[in-house]
Amino acid sequence: MVNYVQQRMTAIAEPNRFRIVELLRGGPRSVGEIVGALGLGQPQVSRHLRLLAEAGVVEATKKAQQRIYRLHPEAMRELSDWAAGFAELWSARMDRLDAFLDDDTSQQGV
C-alpha cells in the first residue's frame, strides 16, 4: 500500500493537480468544466488528469464526446487511512506527554 500512497501523494503534490482534486471533491466534472474553473489550457488540464489517472487518484467515464472525471474513492480512502495512522501516532505521543507533565507537576507540588 505504501507504494500506492507515495505515487498518489506525489501526483497530488503538484499545485495544479491539487487544485483539480479539490475541484473534483465537489463531484464529477468534464475536462471543459475543469478548464473553465481553473483557467488553464485544455492540453495542460488533460496532461494533469492523465497523471492523476495513472496514479489512481481519478477515473474517467465517457459520455458522448466528453470525458467525465471523478475522484477514485478507494484511492482517497487509502490516503485517508495512511494519514490517520499518523494522527493516531501523534495522539498517543501527546497523551504520553500530558501524563508526563501531570506527573511532573504533581511531584513538584504545584
N, C-alpha and C. Protein backbone atom coordinates (compact mmCIF):
# COMPACT_ATOMS: atom_id res chain seq x y z
N MET A 1 0.82 -1.20 0.00
CA MET A 1 0.00 0.00 0.00
C MET A 1 0.85 1.26 0.00
N VAL A 2 2.02 1.21 0.63
CA VAL A 2 2.85 2.40 0.73
C VAL A 2 3.25 2.91 -0.64
N ASN A 3 3.58 2.03 -1.60
CA ASN A 3 3.94 2.48 -2.94
C ASN A 3 2.80 3.24 -3.59
N TYR A 4 1.58 2.75 -3.43
CA TYR A 4 0.43 3.43 -3.99
C TYR A 4 0.25 4.80 -3.34
N VAL A 5 0.41 4.84 -2.04
CA VAL A 5 0.26 6.10 -1.32
C VAL A 5 1.30 7.10 -1.80
N GLN A 6 2.54 6.65 -1.92
CA GLN A 6 3.60 7.54 -2.37
C GLN A 6 3.31 8.05 -3.78
N GLN A 7 2.90 7.18 -4.66
CA GLN A 7 2.59 7.57 -6.03
C GLN A 7 1.43 8.59 -6.05
N ARG A 8 0.43 8.35 -5.25
CA ARG A 8 -0.73 9.26 -5.21
C ARG A 8 -0.36 10.60 -4.58
N MET A 9 0.41 10.56 -3.51
CA MET A 9 0.83 11.80 -2.86
C MET A 9 1.69 12.63 -3.81
N THR A 10 2.58 11.97 -4.54
CA THR A 10 3.43 12.67 -5.50
C THR A 10 2.57 13.33 -6.58
N ALA A 11 1.57 12.61 -7.05
CA ALA A 11 0.69 13.16 -8.09
C ALA A 11 -0.09 14.37 -7.57
N ILE A 12 -0.60 14.28 -6.37
CA ILE A 12 -1.42 15.36 -5.81
C ILE A 12 -0.57 16.55 -5.38
N ALA A 13 0.72 16.33 -5.13
CA ALA A 13 1.58 17.40 -4.61
C ALA A 13 1.75 18.57 -5.58
N GLU A 14 1.64 18.31 -6.86
CA GLU A 14 1.78 19.40 -7.83
C GLU A 14 0.58 20.34 -7.67
N PRO A 15 0.80 21.65 -7.57
CA PRO A 15 -0.28 22.58 -7.25
C PRO A 15 -1.50 22.53 -8.18
N ASN A 16 -1.30 22.43 -9.48
CA ASN A 16 -2.46 22.39 -10.38
C ASN A 16 -3.24 21.08 -10.23
N ARG A 17 -2.53 19.98 -10.00
CA ARG A 17 -3.23 18.71 -9.80
C ARG A 17 -3.97 18.73 -8.46
N PHE A 18 -3.38 19.36 -7.47
CA PHE A 18 -4.08 19.51 -6.19
C PHE A 18 -5.37 20.32 -6.39
N ARG A 19 -5.30 21.37 -7.19
CA ARG A 19 -6.50 22.18 -7.47
C ARG A 19 -7.56 21.34 -8.19
N ILE A 20 -7.14 20.49 -9.09
CA ILE A 20 -8.09 19.61 -9.78
C ILE A 20 -8.76 18.66 -8.79
N VAL A 21 -7.97 18.07 -7.90
CA VAL A 21 -8.53 17.16 -6.90
C VAL A 21 -9.53 17.91 -6.02
N GLU A 22 -9.16 19.11 -5.60
CA GLU A 22 -10.07 19.92 -4.78
C GLU A 22 -11.37 20.20 -5.54
N LEU A 23 -11.26 20.51 -6.82
CA LEU A 23 -12.44 20.77 -7.63
C LEU A 23 -13.32 19.53 -7.74
N LEU A 24 -12.69 18.38 -7.92
CA LEU A 24 -13.45 17.13 -8.07
C LEU A 24 -14.07 16.65 -6.76
N ARG A 25 -13.64 17.22 -5.64
CA ARG A 25 -14.30 16.89 -4.37
C ARG A 25 -15.77 17.28 -4.42
N GLY A 26 -16.08 18.28 -5.22
CA GLY A 26 -17.46 18.72 -5.35
C GLY A 26 -18.30 17.84 -6.27
N GLY A 27 -17.67 16.89 -6.93
CA GLY A 27 -18.41 15.99 -7.80
C GLY A 27 -17.74 15.89 -9.16
N PRO A 28 -18.23 14.96 -9.98
CA PRO A 28 -17.65 14.72 -11.30
C PRO A 28 -17.74 15.96 -12.19
N ARG A 29 -16.74 16.12 -13.05
CA ARG A 29 -16.70 17.25 -13.98
C ARG A 29 -16.07 16.83 -15.30
N SER A 30 -16.48 17.50 -16.34
CA SER A 30 -15.88 17.26 -17.65
C SER A 30 -14.56 18.03 -17.73
N VAL A 31 -13.75 17.67 -18.72
CA VAL A 31 -12.49 18.37 -18.93
C VAL A 31 -12.77 19.85 -19.17
N GLY A 32 -13.79 20.15 -19.97
CA GLY A 32 -14.14 21.54 -20.25
C GLY A 32 -14.50 22.33 -19.00
N GLU A 33 -15.22 21.70 -18.09
CA GLU A 33 -15.57 22.37 -16.83
C GLU A 33 -14.33 22.63 -15.99
N ILE A 34 -13.42 21.68 -15.99
CA ILE A 34 -12.18 21.85 -15.21
C ILE A 34 -11.34 22.97 -15.82
N VAL A 35 -11.24 22.99 -17.14
CA VAL A 35 -10.50 24.05 -17.83
C VAL A 35 -11.09 25.41 -17.45
N GLY A 36 -12.42 25.53 -17.53
CA GLY A 36 -13.08 26.80 -17.21
C GLY A 36 -12.89 27.22 -15.76
N ALA A 37 -12.98 26.27 -14.86
CA ALA A 37 -12.87 26.58 -13.43
C ALA A 37 -11.46 26.98 -13.03
N LEU A 38 -10.46 26.38 -13.66
CA LEU A 38 -9.08 26.62 -13.25
C LEU A 38 -8.35 27.64 -14.11
N GLY A 39 -8.91 27.95 -15.28
CA GLY A 39 -8.26 28.92 -16.15
C GLY A 39 -6.96 28.41 -16.77
N LEU A 40 -6.84 27.11 -16.91
CA LEU A 40 -5.68 26.50 -17.54
C LEU A 40 -6.05 26.09 -18.96
N GLY A 41 -5.06 25.85 -19.78
CA GLY A 41 -5.33 25.37 -21.13
C GLY A 41 -5.78 23.92 -21.13
N GLN A 42 -6.55 23.54 -22.15
CA GLN A 42 -7.07 22.18 -22.24
C GLN A 42 -5.95 21.14 -22.30
N PRO A 43 -4.88 21.37 -23.08
CA PRO A 43 -3.80 20.37 -23.09
C PRO A 43 -3.14 20.20 -21.72
N GLN A 44 -2.98 21.30 -21.00
CA GLN A 44 -2.38 21.24 -19.67
C GLN A 44 -3.28 20.45 -18.70
N VAL A 45 -4.58 20.74 -18.72
CA VAL A 45 -5.52 20.03 -17.85
C VAL A 45 -5.55 18.55 -18.21
N SER A 46 -5.58 18.23 -19.49
CA SER A 46 -5.61 16.83 -19.92
C SER A 46 -4.36 16.09 -19.44
N ARG A 47 -3.21 16.74 -19.51
CA ARG A 47 -1.97 16.12 -19.04
C ARG A 47 -2.04 15.85 -17.54
N HIS A 48 -2.52 16.83 -16.77
CA HIS A 48 -2.64 16.65 -15.32
C HIS A 48 -3.63 15.54 -15.00
N LEU A 49 -4.74 15.49 -15.71
CA LEU A 49 -5.73 14.44 -15.48
C LEU A 49 -5.16 13.07 -15.82
N ARG A 50 -4.37 12.99 -16.88
CA ARG A 50 -3.76 11.71 -17.25
C ARG A 50 -2.83 11.24 -16.13
N LEU A 51 -2.03 12.14 -15.58
CA LEU A 51 -1.11 11.77 -14.49
C LEU A 51 -1.88 11.37 -13.24
N LEU A 52 -2.95 12.08 -12.94
CA LEU A 52 -3.78 11.71 -11.78
C LEU A 52 -4.44 10.35 -12.00
N ALA A 53 -4.87 10.08 -13.23
CA ALA A 53 -5.48 8.78 -13.54
C ALA A 53 -4.45 7.66 -13.43
N GLU A 54 -3.23 7.89 -13.92
CA GLU A 54 -2.17 6.88 -13.83
C GLU A 54 -1.84 6.56 -12.37
N ALA A 55 -1.97 7.56 -11.50
CA ALA A 55 -1.70 7.35 -10.07
C ALA A 55 -2.91 6.75 -9.36
N GLY A 56 -4.03 6.62 -10.08
CA GLY A 56 -5.23 6.03 -9.49
C GLY A 56 -6.04 7.00 -8.65
N VAL A 57 -5.77 8.29 -8.77
CA VAL A 57 -6.49 9.29 -7.97
C VAL A 57 -7.85 9.62 -8.58
N VAL A 58 -7.91 9.66 -9.91
CA VAL A 58 -9.16 9.96 -10.59
C VAL A 58 -9.47 8.84 -11.58
N GLU A 59 -10.72 8.79 -11.98
CA GLU A 59 -11.14 7.85 -13.02
C GLU A 59 -12.06 8.60 -13.97
N ALA A 60 -12.09 8.15 -15.21
CA ALA A 60 -12.88 8.83 -16.23
C ALA A 60 -13.92 7.89 -16.83
N THR A 61 -15.04 8.47 -17.20
CA THR A 61 -16.04 7.75 -17.98
C THR A 61 -16.33 8.60 -19.20
N LYS A 62 -16.68 7.93 -20.26
CA LYS A 62 -17.01 8.64 -21.49
C LYS A 62 -18.51 8.88 -21.55
N LYS A 63 -18.87 10.10 -21.90
CA LYS A 63 -20.28 10.47 -22.08
C LYS A 63 -20.34 11.22 -23.40
N ALA A 64 -20.81 10.55 -24.44
CA ALA A 64 -20.81 11.08 -25.81
C ALA A 64 -19.37 11.42 -26.18
N GLN A 65 -19.08 12.68 -26.46
CA GLN A 65 -17.72 13.09 -26.84
C GLN A 65 -16.90 13.60 -25.65
N GLN A 66 -17.48 13.60 -24.46
CA GLN A 66 -16.81 14.13 -23.29
C GLN A 66 -16.24 13.02 -22.41
N ARG A 67 -15.21 13.38 -21.68
CA ARG A 67 -14.71 12.53 -20.61
C ARG A 67 -15.08 13.22 -19.31
N ILE A 68 -15.74 12.46 -18.45
CA ILE A 68 -16.15 12.97 -17.14
C ILE A 68 -15.22 12.35 -16.10
N TYR A 69 -14.58 13.22 -15.33
CA TYR A 69 -13.63 12.76 -14.30
C TYR A 69 -14.24 12.87 -12.92
N ARG A 70 -13.89 11.89 -12.09
CA ARG A 70 -14.32 11.88 -10.70
C ARG A 70 -13.17 11.32 -9.87
N LEU A 71 -13.19 11.63 -8.59
CA LEU A 71 -12.19 11.06 -7.70
C LEU A 71 -12.42 9.57 -7.57
N HIS A 72 -11.36 8.82 -7.50
CA HIS A 72 -11.46 7.38 -7.30
C HIS A 72 -11.58 7.14 -5.79
N PRO A 73 -12.74 6.68 -5.34
CA PRO A 73 -13.00 6.59 -3.89
C PRO A 73 -12.00 5.72 -3.12
N GLU A 74 -11.60 4.61 -3.69
CA GLU A 74 -10.68 3.71 -2.99
C GLU A 74 -9.32 4.38 -2.78
N ALA A 75 -8.86 5.11 -3.77
CA ALA A 75 -7.57 5.80 -3.65
C ALA A 75 -7.63 6.84 -2.54
N MET A 76 -8.71 7.57 -2.48
CA MET A 76 -8.85 8.61 -1.45
C MET A 76 -8.96 7.97 -0.06
N ARG A 77 -9.61 6.82 0.02
CA ARG A 77 -9.73 6.10 1.29
C ARG A 77 -8.35 5.62 1.76
N GLU A 78 -7.54 5.11 0.81
CA GLU A 78 -6.19 4.67 1.16
C GLU A 78 -5.35 5.83 1.69
N LEU A 79 -5.46 6.99 1.05
CA LEU A 79 -4.72 8.16 1.53
C LEU A 79 -5.20 8.58 2.92
N SER A 80 -6.50 8.53 3.12
CA SER A 80 -7.07 8.88 4.41
C SER A 80 -6.61 7.91 5.50
N ASP A 81 -6.61 6.62 5.19
CA ASP A 81 -6.16 5.61 6.15
C ASP A 81 -4.69 5.81 6.50
N TRP A 82 -3.89 6.12 5.49
CA TRP A 82 -2.47 6.35 5.71
C TRP A 82 -2.25 7.55 6.63
N ALA A 83 -2.95 8.64 6.36
CA ALA A 83 -2.81 9.84 7.19
C ALA A 83 -3.35 9.60 8.60
N ALA A 84 -4.40 8.81 8.72
CA ALA A 84 -4.98 8.52 10.03
C ALA A 84 -3.98 7.81 10.93
N GLY A 85 -3.12 7.00 10.34
CA GLY A 85 -2.08 6.33 11.12
C GLY A 85 -1.17 7.32 11.81
N PHE A 86 -0.89 8.43 11.16
CA PHE A 86 -0.06 9.47 11.78
C PHE A 86 -0.83 10.21 12.85
N ALA A 87 -2.11 10.42 12.65
CA ALA A 87 -2.93 11.08 13.67
C ALA A 87 -2.95 10.24 14.94
N GLU A 88 -3.08 8.93 14.79
CA GLU A 88 -3.08 8.03 15.95
C GLU A 88 -1.72 8.07 16.66
N LEU A 89 -0.65 8.08 15.88
CA LEU A 89 0.70 8.13 16.44
C LEU A 89 0.90 9.40 17.26
N TRP A 90 0.52 10.55 16.69
CA TRP A 90 0.72 11.81 17.40
C TRP A 90 -0.22 11.94 18.59
N SER A 91 -1.40 11.40 18.49
CA SER A 91 -2.34 11.44 19.62
C SER A 91 -1.76 10.65 20.79
N ALA A 92 -1.21 9.48 20.51
CA ALA A 92 -0.61 8.65 21.56
C ALA A 92 0.58 9.38 22.19
N ARG A 93 1.39 10.02 21.36
CA ARG A 93 2.54 10.75 21.89
C ARG A 93 2.10 11.94 22.75
N MET A 94 1.06 12.63 22.32
CA MET A 94 0.57 13.77 23.10
C MET A 94 -0.03 13.29 24.43
N ASP A 95 -0.69 12.13 24.42
CA ASP A 95 -1.22 11.57 25.66
C ASP A 95 -0.09 11.25 26.63
N ARG A 96 1.00 10.68 26.11
CA ARG A 96 2.15 10.39 26.98
C ARG A 96 2.78 11.67 27.51
N LEU A 97 2.85 12.71 26.68
CA LEU A 97 3.39 13.99 27.14
C LEU A 97 2.50 14.58 28.23
N ASP A 98 1.19 14.53 28.03
CA ASP A 98 0.26 15.03 29.07
C ASP A 98 0.47 14.28 30.38
N ALA A 99 0.59 12.96 30.30
CA ALA A 99 0.78 12.16 31.51
C ALA A 99 2.10 12.53 32.19
N PHE A 100 3.15 12.71 31.40
CA PHE A 100 4.45 13.10 31.95
C PHE A 100 4.36 14.45 32.64
N LEU A 101 3.73 15.42 31.99
CA LEU A 101 3.62 16.76 32.57
C LEU A 101 2.75 16.75 33.82
N ASP A 102 1.67 15.97 33.81
CA ASP A 102 0.82 15.86 35.01
C ASP A 102 1.62 15.26 36.16
N ASP A 103 2.39 14.21 35.88
CA ASP A 103 3.21 13.55 36.90
C ASP A 103 4.28 14.50 37.42
N ASP A 104 4.92 15.23 36.51
CA ASP A 104 5.97 16.16 36.90
C ASP A 104 5.42 17.29 37.77
N THR A 105 4.23 17.79 37.42
CA THR A 105 3.60 18.88 38.18
C THR A 105 3.21 18.40 39.57
N SER A 106 2.69 17.17 39.66
CA SER A 106 2.28 16.65 40.98
C SER A 106 3.49 16.40 41.88
N GLN A 107 4.62 16.03 41.29
CA GLN A 107 5.83 15.80 42.09
C GLN A 107 6.43 17.10 42.59
N GLN A 108 6.16 18.19 41.90
CA GLN A 108 6.69 19.49 42.32
C GLN A 108 5.76 20.18 43.31
N GLY A 109 4.59 19.60 43.53
CA GLY A 109 3.63 20.17 44.46
C GLY A 109 2.91 21.39 43.93
N VAL A 110 2.83 21.52 42.66
CA VAL A 110 2.16 22.68 42.05
C VAL A 110 0.68 22.42 41.96
